[in-house]
Amino acid sequence: MAKVMLICGKIASGKSVYAEKLVEYENAVMLSVDELVLSILGSDLGDKHDEITGRVQAYLFDKSLEIVRAGANVLLDWGFWTRERRSAARAFYQERGVACEFHYIDVPEDVWRRNIAIRNQAVLDGKTDAYFVDEGLMQKLHSLFEAPERDEIDVWHVNDWR
């Protein structure tokens, strides 16, 4: 039976690197809000960002059901930053009889800051279309993230590459 794996973690915690490896290991289809939004609309959405990403998430939730019903595993790579969103996602799949599991990418502060610096340099060098994260945005995103409790997470991965 196919399942859905939901990747939880802060921006630049290593979610996408982890997800790419998991896609191969689990023979899964990855659905990424950032990948879709950035490739179609770019990074300059301004005050429409939250509305658009919310609509993309709803679409990808529905698309994930279609993929699971076709027999393939699905991996959702978009953070699930709050307990409320994690709980709602788990309920969405449970109500539809679809197996799901949360994978959390736990990253120490120094590794997180280094990842952001590496990512920002790649953006400046034109090597990626990821979001540039300045100090103000980093603090805002850090304040919005609610680290999960152990009972919310099925697989706890520590990204402590230094």
Protein backbone atom coordinates (compact mmCIF):
# COMPACT_ATOMS: atom_id res chain seq x y z
CA MET A 1 0.00 0.00 0.00
CA ALA A 2 1.38 3.41 -0.98
CA LYS A 3 1.93 6.08 1.68
CA VAL A 4 2.55 9.79 2.04
CA MET A 5 5.70 11.06 3.76
CA LEU A 6 5.55 14.63 5.03
CA ILE A 7 8.85 16.45 5.60
CA CYS A 8 8.87 18.88 8.53
CA GLY A 9 11.62 21.39 9.26
CA LYS A 10 12.76 24.99 9.08
CA ILE A 11 13.78 26.67 5.87
CA ALA A 12 17.35 25.60 4.96
CA SER A 13 17.34 22.75 7.48
CA GLY A 14 18.22 20.19 4.82
CA LYS A 15 14.67 19.07 3.99
CA SER A 16 15.12 19.00 0.24
CA VAL A 17 18.44 17.13 0.36
CA TYR A 18 16.88 14.58 2.72
CA ALA A 19 13.76 14.39 0.54
CA GLU A 20 15.77 13.73 -2.63
CA LYS A 21 17.46 10.74 -0.95
CA LEU A 22 14.14 9.50 0.43
CA VAL A 23 12.53 9.73 -3.01
CA GLU A 24 15.06 7.23 -4.32
CA TYR A 25 14.92 4.96 -1.28
CA GLU A 26 11.11 4.90 -1.12
CA ASN A 27 10.52 5.10 -4.89
CA ALA A 28 8.31 8.13 -4.29
CA VAL A 29 7.01 11.13 -6.19
CA MET A 30 8.08 14.41 -4.57
CA LEU A 31 5.63 17.31 -4.44
CA SER A 32 7.18 20.63 -3.45
CA VAL A 33 5.35 23.92 -3.01
CA ASP A 34 8.57 25.92 -3.45
CA GLU A 35 9.53 24.07 -6.60
CA LEU A 36 6.14 24.70 -8.18
CA VAL A 37 5.75 28.33 -7.08
CA LEU A 38 9.32 29.35 -7.91
CA SER A 39 9.34 27.67 -11.32
CA ILE A 40 6.04 29.23 -12.40
CA LEU A 41 5.76 32.54 -10.54
CA GLY A 42 9.24 33.31 -9.21
CA SER A 43 10.22 34.52 -5.76
CA ASP A 44 8.75 38.02 -5.85
CA LEU A 45 5.13 37.38 -4.83
CA GLY A 46 5.01 40.08 -2.16
CA ASP A 47 1.85 40.11 -0.05
CA LYS A 48 0.28 37.40 -2.26
CA HIS A 49 2.88 34.80 -1.17
CA ASP A 50 0.86 33.19 1.64
CA GLU A 51 -2.35 33.09 -0.40
CA ILE A 52 -0.67 31.52 -3.41
CA THR A 53 1.33 28.96 -1.43
CA GLY A 54 -1.84 28.01 0.47
CA ARG A 55 -3.65 27.35 -2.79
CA VAL A 56 -0.71 25.33 -4.13
CA GLN A 57 -0.64 23.26 -0.94
CA ALA A 58 -4.36 22.47 -1.26
CA TYR A 59 -3.83 21.42 -4.87
CA LEU A 60 -0.85 19.21 -3.93
CA PHE A 61 -2.80 17.55 -1.11
CA ASP A 62 -5.43 16.51 -3.66
CA LYS A 63 -2.79 15.50 -6.21
CA SER A 64 -1.04 13.36 -3.57
CA LEU A 65 -4.24 11.34 -3.11
CA GLU A 66 -4.42 10.73 -6.84
CA ILE A 67 -0.81 9.51 -6.88
CA VAL A 68 -1.27 7.24 -3.85
CA ARG A 69 -4.40 5.74 -5.36
CA ALA A 70 -2.34 4.98 -8.48
CA GLY A 71 0.00 2.98 -6.25
CA ALA A 72 3.01 5.28 -5.81
CA ASN A 73 4.46 6.70 -2.60
CA VAL A 74 4.38 10.49 -2.24
CA LEU A 75 6.73 12.82 -0.44
CA LEU A 76 5.53 16.31 0.54
CA ASP A 77 8.48 18.67 0.93
CA TRP A 78 7.15 21.90 2.37
CA GLY A 79 7.97 22.24 6.05
CA PHE A 80 4.75 21.82 8.05
CA TRP A 81 5.91 24.54 10.42
CA THR A 82 3.13 24.52 13.01
CA ARG A 83 1.55 21.84 15.14
CA GLU A 84 -1.84 22.89 13.73
CA ARG A 85 -0.70 22.28 10.12
CA ARG A 86 0.89 18.95 11.02
CA SER A 87 -2.26 17.86 12.82
CA ALA A 88 -4.49 18.97 9.94
CA ALA A 89 -2.32 17.13 7.40
CA ARG A 90 -2.36 13.92 9.43
CA ALA A 91 -6.17 14.18 9.81
CA PHE A 92 -6.55 14.82 6.05
CA TYR A 93 -4.88 11.50 5.23
CA GLN A 94 -6.37 9.51 8.10
CA GLU A 95 -9.90 10.57 7.11
CA ARG A 96 -9.21 9.20 3.63
CA GLY A 97 -7.62 5.96 4.80
CA VAL A 98 -4.18 6.89 3.50
CA ALA A 99 -1.08 5.95 5.49
CA CYS A 100 1.16 8.88 6.29
CA GLU A 101 4.29 9.52 8.30
CA PHE A 102 6.09 12.67 9.39
CA HIS A 103 9.84 13.01 9.00
CA TYR A 104 11.42 15.86 10.98
CA ILE A 105 14.74 17.41 10.01
CA ASP A 106 16.23 18.68 13.26
CA VAL A 107 19.12 21.07 12.66
CA PRO A 108 21.42 22.75 15.22
CA GLU A 109 21.49 26.56 15.07
CA ASP A 110 25.07 26.81 13.74
CA VAL A 111 24.39 24.33 10.93
CA TRP A 112 21.13 26.12 10.10
CA ARG A 113 22.87 29.49 9.80
CA ARG A 114 25.62 27.96 7.67
CA ASN A 115 23.01 26.36 5.38
CA ILE A 116 21.33 29.74 4.94
CA ALA A 117 24.64 31.39 4.05
CA ILE A 118 25.41 28.65 1.49
CA ARG A 119 21.91 28.91 0.04
CA ASN A 120 22.07 32.71 -0.18
CA GLN A 121 25.39 32.56 -2.00
CA ALA A 122 23.94 30.06 -4.48
CA VAL A 123 21.01 32.45 -5.08
CA LEU A 124 23.39 35.38 -5.63
CA ASP A 125 25.51 33.26 -7.99
CA GLY A 126 22.40 32.33 -10.00
CA LYS A 127 22.83 28.62 -9.21
CA THR A 128 19.37 28.25 -7.67
CA ASP A 129 16.03 30.03 -7.75
CA ALA A 130 15.44 29.40 -4.03
CA TYR A 131 14.35 32.22 -1.76
CA PHE A 132 17.11 34.56 -0.55
CA VAL A 133 16.91 34.71 3.25
CA ASP A 134 18.22 37.95 4.75
CA GLU A 135 18.57 38.46 8.52
CA GLY A 136 15.09 39.97 8.86
CA LEU A 137 13.41 37.13 7.00
CA MET A 138 15.48 34.56 8.90
CA GLN A 139 14.29 35.96 12.23
CA LYS A 140 10.67 36.13 11.02
CA LEU A 141 10.72 32.53 9.79
CA HIS A 142 12.48 31.34 12.94
CA SER A 143 9.74 32.93 15.07
CA LEU A 144 6.98 31.27 13.01
CA PHE A 145 8.40 27.74 13.26
CA GLU A 146 7.01 25.50 16.01
CA ALA A 147 9.39 22.63 16.65
CA PRO A 148 7.41 19.39 16.88
CA GLU A 149 7.04 17.21 19.92
CA ARG A 150 8.37 13.66 19.65
CA ASP A 151 4.83 12.23 19.58
CA GLU A 152 4.07 14.12 16.33
CA ILE A 153 6.97 12.64 14.40
CA ASP A 154 7.49 9.15 12.99
CA VAL A 155 11.10 9.62 11.82
CA TRP A 156 13.39 12.09 13.60
CA HIS A 157 16.48 12.93 11.52
CA VAL A 158 19.25 15.14 12.94
CA ASN A 159 21.09 17.10 10.28
CA ASP A 160 24.27 17.89 12.18
CA TRP A 161 26.65 17.94 9.25
CA ARG A 162 29.32 20.44 10.28
